[in-house]
Each structure stands twice: as C-alpha cells, then as structure tokens.
C-alpha atoms as a PDB file:
ATOM      1  CA  MET A   1       0.109  -0.189   0.008  1.00  0.00           C
ATOM      2  CA  ASP A   2       1.695   3.035  -0.792  1.00  0.00           C
ATOM      3  CA  GLU A   3      -1.032   5.846  -0.534  1.00  0.00           C
ATOM      4  CA  PRO A   4      -1.644   7.338   2.751  1.00  0.00           C
ATOM      5  CA  LEU A   5      -4.904   6.110   4.085  1.00  0.00           C
ATOM      6  CA  PRO A   6      -8.003   8.206   3.601  1.00  0.00           C
ATOM      7  CA  ALA A   7      -7.936  11.513   5.048  1.00  0.00           C
ATOM      8  CA  LEU A   8     -11.429  13.320   4.998  1.00  0.00           C
ATOM      9  CA  GLN A   9     -10.578  16.743   6.459  1.00  0.00           C
ATOM     10  CA  GLN A  10      -8.479  19.413   5.094  1.00  0.00           C
ATOM     11  CA  ARG A  11      -6.460  19.178   9.115  1.00  0.00           C
ATOM     12  CA  SER A  12      -5.815  15.601   8.292  1.00  0.00           C
ATOM     13  CA  ARG A  13      -4.687  16.104   4.925  1.00  0.00           C
ATOM     14  CA  ASP A  14      -2.232  18.712   6.201  1.00  0.00           C
ATOM     15  CA  THR A  15      -0.971  16.194   8.966  1.00  0.00           C
ATOM     16  CA  THR A  16      -0.370  13.403   6.622  1.00  0.00           C
ATOM     17  CA  GLU A  17       1.754  15.675   4.196  1.00  0.00           C
ATOM     18  CA  HIS A  18       3.723  17.065   7.478  1.00  0.00           C
ATOM     19  CA  LEU A  19       4.418  13.437   8.303  1.00  0.00           C
ATOM     20  CA  LEU A  20       5.490  12.488   4.638  1.00  0.00           C
ATOM     21  CA  GLU A  21       7.899  15.707   5.316  1.00  0.00           C
ATOM     22  CA  SER A  22       9.284  14.646   8.762  1.00  0.00           C
ATOM     23  CA  ALA A  23       9.915  10.977   7.140  1.00  0.00           C
ATOM     24  CA  GLN A  24      11.632  12.619   3.701  1.00  0.00           C
ATOM     25  CA  GLU A  25      14.040  14.545   6.339  1.00  0.00           C
ATOM     26  CA  LEU A  26      15.174  11.562   8.047  1.00  0.00           C
ATOM     27  CA  LEU A  27      15.592   9.825   5.205  1.00  0.00           C
ATOM     28  CA  LYS A  28      17.988  12.417   3.789  1.00  0.00           C
ATOM     29  CA  GLU A  29      19.451  12.443   7.472  1.00  0.00           C
ATOM     30  CA  GLY A  30      20.060   9.140   8.058  1.00  0.00           C
ATOM     31  CA  GLY A  31      18.254   6.851   5.508  1.00  0.00           C
ATOM     32  CA  ALA A  32      15.829   4.097   5.884  1.00  0.00           C
ATOM     33  CA  ASP A  33      17.133   2.944   8.945  1.00  0.00           C
ATOM     34  CA  ALA A  34      16.727   6.234  10.776  1.00  0.00           C
ATOM     35  CA  ALA A  35      12.766   7.001   9.451  1.00  0.00           C
ATOM     36  CA  THR A  36      11.661   4.852  11.908  1.00  0.00           C
ATOM     37  CA  LEU A  37       7.444   5.551  12.880  1.00  0.00           C
ATOM     38  CA  ARG A  38       8.328   6.773  16.193  1.00  0.00           C
ATOM     39  CA  ALA A  39      11.402   8.907  14.908  1.00  0.00           C
ATOM     40  CA  ILE A  40       8.977  10.291  12.018  1.00  0.00           C
ATOM     41  CA  ALA A  41       6.220  11.091  14.847  1.00  0.00           C
ATOM     42  CA  GLU A  42       8.817  12.748  17.154  1.00  0.00           C
ATOM     43  CA  ARG A  43       9.763  14.678  14.318  1.00  0.00           C
ATOM     44  CA  ALA A  44       6.135  15.690  13.468  1.00  0.00           C
ATOM     45  CA  GLY A  45       5.501  16.537  16.850  1.00  0.00           C
ATOM     46  CA  VAL A  46       2.927  14.225  17.064  1.00  0.00           C
ATOM     47  CA  SER A  47       1.712  10.668  18.720  1.00  0.00           C
ATOM     48  CA  LEU A  48       2.733   7.477  17.275  1.00  0.00           C
ATOM     49  CA  GLY A  49      -0.820   6.579  16.954  1.00  0.00           C
ATOM     50  CA  ILE A  50      -1.288   9.506  14.805  1.00  0.00           C
ATOM     51  CA  VAL A  51       1.076   7.547  11.780  1.00  0.00           C
ATOM     52  CA  TYR A  52      -0.445   4.743  12.422  1.00  0.00           C
ATOM     53  CA  ARG A  53      -4.058   5.821  11.876  1.00  0.00           C
ATOM     54  CA  ARG A  54      -2.430   7.189   8.218  1.00  0.00           C
ATOM     55  CA  PHE A  55      -0.377   4.464   7.685  1.00  0.00           C
ATOM     56  CA  PRO A  56       0.108   1.392   8.579  1.00  0.00           C
ATOM     57  CA  ASP A  57       3.656   0.599   8.879  1.00  0.00           C
ATOM     58  CA  LYS A  58       7.318   2.238   8.399  1.00  0.00           C
ATOM     59  CA  ASP A  59       7.124   0.483   4.877  1.00  0.00           C
ATOM     60  CA  ALA A  60       4.138   2.042   3.505  1.00  0.00           C
ATOM     61  CA  ILE A  61       5.117   5.687   4.607  1.00  0.00           C
ATOM     62  CA  LEU A  62       8.609   5.164   2.800  1.00  0.00           C
ATOM     63  CA  ARG A  63       6.576   4.058  -0.667  1.00  0.00           C
ATOM     64  CA  ALA A  64       4.461   7.090  -0.035  1.00  0.00           C
ATOM     65  CA  VAL A  65       7.420   9.353   0.282  1.00  0.00           C
ATOM     66  CA  TYR A  66       9.585   7.452  -2.975  1.00  0.00           C
ATOM     67  CA  THR A  67       6.490   7.991  -5.017  1.00  0.00           C
ATOM     68  CA  ARG A  68       5.793  11.822  -4.055  1.00  0.00           C
ATOM     69  CA  PHE A  69       8.975  12.922  -4.558  1.00  0.00           C
ATOM     70  CA  PHE A  70       9.989  11.372  -7.846  1.00  0.00           C
ATOM     71  CA  GLU A  71       6.673  12.186  -9.403  1.00  0.00           C
ATOM     72  CA  ARG A  72       7.445  15.721  -8.034  1.00  0.00           C
ATOM     73  CA  PHE A  73      10.937  15.584  -9.665  1.00  0.00           C
ATOM     74  CA  GLY A  74       9.707  14.422 -12.814  1.00  0.00           C
ATOM     75  CA  ALA A  75       6.744  16.903 -12.804  1.00  0.00           C
ATOM     76  CA  THR A  76       9.347  19.591 -12.306  1.00  0.00           C
ATOM     77  CA  ASN A  77      11.497  18.951 -15.223  1.00  0.00           C
ATOM     78  CA  THR A  78       9.014  18.234 -17.729  1.00  0.00           C
ATOM     79  CA  ARG A  79       6.777  21.451 -16.837  1.00  0.00           C
ATOM     80  CA  SER A  80       9.771  23.572 -17.200  1.00  0.00           C
ATOM     81  CA  LEU A  81      10.743  22.024 -21.033  1.00  0.00           C
ATOM     82  CA  SER A  82       7.356  22.652 -21.639  1.00  0.00           C
ATOM     83  CA  SER A  83       7.083  25.977 -20.757  1.00  0.00           C
ATOM     84  CA  ASP A  84       7.189  28.995 -23.806  1.00  0.00           C
ATOM     85  CA  ARG A  85      10.784  29.735 -23.884  1.00  0.00           C
ATOM     86  CA  PHE A  86      11.594  26.326 -25.260  1.00  0.00           C
ATOM     87  CA  GLN A  87       8.970  26.542 -27.899  1.00  0.00           C
ATOM     88  CA  ARG A  88      11.355  27.802 -30.605  1.00  0.00           C
ATOM     89  CA  ALA A  89      14.537  26.309 -28.581  1.00  0.00           C
ATOM     90  CA  SER A  90      17.034  23.892 -30.823  1.00  0.00           C
ATOM     91  CA  LEU A  91      17.411  20.164 -29.877  1.00  0.00           C
ATOM     92  CA  ALA A  92      20.412  21.045 -28.172  1.00  0.00           C
ATOM     93  CA  GLU A  93      19.170  23.911 -25.823  1.00  0.00           C
ATOM     94  CA  VAL A  94      16.372  21.355 -24.936  1.00  0.00           C
ATOM     95  CA  ALA A  95      18.728  18.775 -24.314  1.00  0.00           C
ATOM     96  CA  HIS A  96      21.299  20.990 -22.536  1.00  0.00           C
ATOM     97  CA  ALA A  97      18.063  22.110 -20.186  1.00  0.00           C
ATOM     98  CA  LEU A  98      16.903  18.549 -19.560  1.00  0.00           C
ATOM     99  CA  VAL A  99      20.071  17.547 -18.400  1.00  0.00           C
ATOM    100  CA  THR A 100      20.906  20.462 -16.060  1.00  0.00           C
ATOM    101  CA  GLY A 101      17.290  20.276 -14.457  1.00  0.00           C
ATOM    102  CA  ILE A 102      18.125  16.502 -13.697  1.00  0.00           C
ATOM    103  CA  ALA A 103      21.821  17.352 -12.674  1.00  0.00           C
ATOM    104  CA  GLU A 104      20.836  20.299 -10.214  1.00  0.00           C
ATOM    105  CA  GLY A 105      17.946  18.506  -8.853  1.00  0.00           C
ATOM    106  CA  TYR A 106      20.408  15.573  -7.838  1.00  0.00           C
ATOM    107  CA  ARG A 107      22.927  17.710  -6.438  1.00  0.00           C
ATOM    108  CA  ARG A 108      20.109  19.671  -4.571  1.00  0.00           C
ATOM    109  CA  HIS A 109      18.528  16.320  -3.048  1.00  0.00           C
ATOM    110  CA  ALA A 110      21.652  13.999  -3.470  1.00  0.00           C
ATOM    111  CA  ARG A 111      21.217  12.490   0.092  1.00  0.00           C
ATOM    112  CA  LEU A 112      17.602  11.977  -0.380  1.00  0.00           C
ATOM    113  CA  VAL A 113      17.765  10.460  -3.571  1.00  0.00           C
ATOM    114  CA  ARG A 114      20.617   7.943  -2.428  1.00  0.00           C
ATOM    115  CA  ALA A 115      18.319   6.923   0.635  1.00  0.00           C
ATOM    116  CA  LEU A 116      15.453   6.823  -1.723  1.00  0.00           C
ATOM    117  CA  LEU A 117      16.991   5.056  -4.329  1.00  0.00           C
ATOM    118  CA  LEU A 118      19.026   2.364  -2.028  1.00  0.00           C
ATOM    119  CA  TYR A 119      15.625   1.439  -0.533  1.00  0.00           C
ATOM    120  CA  ALA A 120      13.926   0.660  -3.866  1.00  0.00           C
ATOM    121  CA  ARG A 121      16.797  -1.130  -4.949  1.00  0.00           C
ATOM    122  CA  SER A 122      16.715  -3.458  -2.042  1.00  0.00           C
ATOM    123  CA  HIS A 123      13.055  -3.819  -1.705  1.00  0.00           C
ATOM    124  CA  PRO A 124      11.686  -7.355  -1.212  1.00  0.00           C
ATOM    125  CA  SER A 125       8.164  -6.320  -2.898  1.00  0.00           C
ATOM    126  CA  SER A 126       8.721  -6.895  -6.924  1.00  0.00           C
ATOM    127  CA  GLU A 127       5.277  -5.189  -6.962  1.00  0.00           C
ATOM    128  CA  PHE A 128       6.766  -2.217  -5.806  1.00  0.00           C
ATOM    129  CA  ARG A 129       9.733  -2.097  -7.730  1.00  0.00           C
ATOM    130  CA  GLU A 130       7.737  -2.605 -10.799  1.00  0.00           C
ATOM    131  CA  ARG A 131       5.166   0.480  -9.972  1.00  0.00           C
ATOM    132  CA  ALA A 132       8.508   2.130  -9.665  1.00  0.00           C
ATOM    133  CA  ALA A 133       9.656   1.111 -12.735  1.00  0.00           C
ATOM    134  CA  ALA A 134       6.535   2.233 -14.770  1.00  0.00           C
ATOM    135  CA  HIS A 135       6.878   5.402 -12.972  1.00  0.00           C
ATOM    136  CA  ASN A 136      10.024   6.118 -14.545  1.00  0.00           C
ATOM    137  CA  ALA A 137       8.848   4.909 -17.745  1.00  0.00           C
ATOM    138  CA  ARG A 138       5.855   7.405 -17.362  1.00  0.00           C
ATOM    139  CA  THR A 139       8.238   9.970 -17.151  1.00  0.00           C
ATOM    140  CA  LEU A 140      10.306   9.474 -20.298  1.00  0.00           C
ATOM    141  CA  THR A 141       7.212   9.113 -22.180  1.00  0.00           C
ATOM    142  CA  ALA A 142       6.263  12.607 -21.345  1.00  0.00           C
ATOM    143  CA  LEU A 143       9.775  13.722 -21.935  1.00  0.00           C
ATOM    144  CA  GLN A 144       9.615  12.048 -25.263  1.00  0.00           C
ATOM    145  CA  GLY A 145       6.615  13.960 -26.262  1.00  0.00           C
ATOM    146  CA  ILE A 146       8.785  16.821 -25.626  1.00  0.00           C
ATOM    147  CA  PHE A 147      11.544  15.389 -28.108  1.00  0.00           C
ATOM    148  CA  ASP A 148       8.940  14.555 -30.532  1.00  0.00           C
ATOM    149  CA  ARG A 149       8.691  18.266 -31.457  1.00  0.00           C
ATOM    150  CA  HIS A 150      12.244  18.227 -32.807  1.00  0.00           C
ATOM    151  CA  ARG A 151      11.591  14.758 -34.565  1.00  0.00           C
ATOM    152  CA  ALA A 152      13.144  16.926 -37.740  1.00  0.00           C
ATOM    153  CA  GLU A 153      16.467  17.410 -35.930  1.00  0.00           C
ATOM    154  CA  ILE A 154      16.754  13.924 -34.571  1.00  0.00           C
ATOM    155  CA  THR A 155      19.088  11.816 -37.641  1.00  0.00           C
ATOM    156  CA  HIS A 156      19.534   8.235 -35.596  1.00  0.00           C
ATOM    157  CA  PRO A 157      17.510   5.974 -37.668  1.00  0.00           C
ATOM    158  CA  ARG A 158      15.044   4.969 -35.162  1.00  0.00           C
ATOM    159  CA  PRO A 159      14.087   8.139 -32.612  1.00  0.00           C
ATOM    160  CA  GLU A 160      11.552   6.491 -30.669  1.00  0.00           C
ATOM    161  CA  VAL A 161      14.062   4.491 -28.803  1.00  0.00           C
ATOM    162  CA  ALA A 162      16.978   6.588 -29.278  1.00  0.00           C
ATOM    163  CA  VAL A 163      15.135   9.554 -27.119  1.00  0.00           C
ATOM    164  CA  PRO A 164      14.225   7.365 -23.925  1.00  0.00           C
ATOM    165  CA  PHE A 165      17.506   5.580 -24.146  1.00  0.00           C
ATOM    166  CA  ALA A 166      19.272   9.189 -24.140  1.00  0.00           C
ATOM    167  CA  ILE A 167      17.747  10.587 -21.672  1.00  0.00           C
ATOM    168  CA  SER A 168      17.827   7.797 -19.317  1.00  0.00           C
ATOM    169  CA  SER A 169      21.708   6.999 -20.000  1.00  0.00           C
ATOM    170  CA  ALA A 170      22.146  10.696 -19.350  1.00  0.00           C
ATOM    171  CA  ALA A 171      20.202  10.275 -16.344  1.00  0.00           C
ATOM    172  CA  SER A 172      21.918   7.556 -15.224  1.00  0.00           C
ATOM    173  CA  LEU A 173      25.806   9.068 -15.516  1.00  0.00           C
ATOM    174  CA  LEU A 174      24.187  11.926 -13.589  1.00  0.00           C
ATOM    175  CA  GLN A 175      22.899   9.647 -10.741  1.00  0.00           C
ATOM    176  CA  ALA A 176      26.029   7.847 -10.847  1.00  0.00           C
ATOM    177  CA  ARG A 177      28.465  10.976 -10.587  1.00  0.00           C
ATOM    178  CA  ILE A 178      26.022  13.047  -8.681  1.00  0.00           C
ATOM    179  CA  VAL A 179      23.833  11.224  -6.431  1.00  0.00           C
ATOM    180  CA  PHE A 180      26.698   7.932  -5.119  1.00  0.00           C
ATOM    181  CA  ASN A 181      29.689  10.190  -6.453  1.00  0.00           C
ATOM    182  CA  ASP A 182      31.219   7.640  -8.630  1.00  0.00           C
ATOM    183  CA  THR A 183      33.792   8.467 -10.771  1.00  0.00           C
ATOM    184  CA  ALA A 184      35.597   5.365 -11.812  1.00  0.00           C
ATOM    185  CA  PRO A 185      37.332   4.864 -13.805  1.00  0.00           C
ATOM    186  CA  GLU A 186      36.564   8.221 -15.502  1.00  0.00           C
ATOM    187  CA  PRO A 187      38.228  11.442 -13.999  1.00  0.00           C
ATOM    188  CA  GLU A 188      35.831  13.554 -11.657  1.00  0.00           C
ATOM    189  CA  LEU A 189      34.574  16.603 -13.477  1.00  0.00           C
ATOM    190  CA  PRO A 190      33.530  19.910 -12.304  1.00  0.00           C
ATOM    191  CA  PHE A 191      29.846  20.253 -12.193  1.00  0.00           C
ATOM    192  CA  ALA A 192      29.388  22.619 -15.515  1.00  0.00           C
ATOM    193  CA  GLU A 193      32.083  20.550 -17.319  1.00  0.00           C
ATOM    194  CA  LEU A 194      29.712  17.120 -15.903  1.00  0.00           C
ATOM    195  CA  ILE A 195      26.186  18.749 -17.371  1.00  0.00           C
ATOM    196  CA  GLU A 196      28.409  19.986 -20.844  1.00  0.00           C
ATOM    197  CA  GLU A 197      29.238  16.140 -21.147  1.00  0.00           C
ATOM    198  CA  ALA A 198      26.522  14.535 -20.314  1.00  0.00           C
ATOM    199  CA  THR A 199      24.183  17.117 -22.954  1.00  0.00           C
ATOM    200  CA  ARG A 200      27.109  15.922 -25.634  1.00  0.00           C
ATOM    201  CA  LEU A 201      26.149  12.509 -25.072  1.00  0.00           C
ATOM    202  CA  VAL A 202      22.701  13.090 -25.723  1.00  0.00           C
ATOM    203  CA  VAL A 203      22.590  15.477 -28.353  1.00  0.00           C
ATOM    204  CA  SER A 204      25.634  13.438 -30.368  1.00  0.00           C
ATOM    205  CA  TYR A 205      23.890  10.068 -29.713  1.00  0.00           C
ATOM    206  CA  LEU A 206      20.310  11.612 -31.209  1.00  0.00           C
ATOM    207  CA  MET A 207      22.630  13.465 -33.982  1.00  0.00           C
ATOM    208  CA  PRO A 208      25.108  11.003 -35.180  1.00  0.00           C
ATOM    209  CA  CYS A 209      27.166  12.266 -37.422  1.00  0.00           C
ATOM    210  CA  ASP A 210      27.907  10.400 -40.783  1.00  0.00           C
ATOM    211  CA  ASP A 211      31.665   9.509 -41.123  1.00  0.00           C
END
C-alpha cells in the first residue's frame, strides 16, 4: 500500500503531508534506518497513534515518500521543458535544459535521492519495484513527447528508441556521478563540465554525424 490512508478533512490532509515531510527529512539525514515510525512521529510533533491512523507501517510511509518525491521531480522537469521559452528552442538547447534540470535536482537532493534509490533497490516487493519502474517509464514518455517536437533534427534511424535511451543514459550517468559520487574509471569533472559532457552525450546520440 503506497498511498496514505483516507483523510477527509483538511487538517488530516495537512497532518499526512507533515508526516511525509518529516519522513523525508529523516531519510535525508540517516537513510531508511533512521526513518522509524517513532522517529517520524517525534519529528512531526505528533503521537505514534496518529502516524498509525494514516500509515499501517514504516514501509507504507517510505513508499509514499518515494512516489511523492519522484513524481514531483519528474513533473518539475517536464513542466520546465514545456514552458513557452522552449517552444522555439533547438534540440541541443532542450537537451541542455533537461540535463541541467536533472543534474541540479540530484545535487540539491543528493542525500535524499540516494536514500530513496537504495531503499527501492533493496525492497523485497517486486510489485513496488515494478511500480517504481512504471513511474520512470511515464516520465520518459512525457519527456519523449517534448523531444518529438524536434523530430526533424533527430538523425538517429530510430528516434522512438533513441530518445528514451539517451535520456536514461544521461540520467544514469548523472545519478552515478552526483548522487553516488562514483567517478571510476573516468576522471572527476566540475559540475558545469559534467552537464556539458552529459548534454553532448544526448545530442551526439540523437544527431550522429556520418563518417
């Protein structure tokens, strides 16, 4: 169960949101082990009973935090790229904006993203892992729609495959470098250079030059 228990009154909805924020803060500070229901209740300033009224167990609240965070993260990037200022942008400019948005989001929330990803990867429920993967697929679909406006610029022979592959590759690279601080075997790059190289990865894959 990923969603909080029904809360009909605004006060109850506000309490649920406060609990999710508290759980998120604890995840950021100490990972999943730190986000116990008792610790969440104490951080939120409520009784343990109130937590149980909305979430049956720790797993339910962490799953809700995971879903909430990545839905907001994906929506922010999609909304930014859908804004009027990108209506006349080139494919390279859109790719740069996408990479920058992902990279800055990862840098701003690195500890939280790391905790959430480690939690999801080690989760025993295949259903939850499948739902997380489905959410990622929906985000890719939304972003692919934005890149489809630039189909005339894409010279890869299979754009429908290339776009999600390029986005996933860039996101995985940024995740490894920023969230998990894994630079081996490549040299570490300053943040701005990392963005430029990841952008080049996307653009060169979508617009390969003929030899």
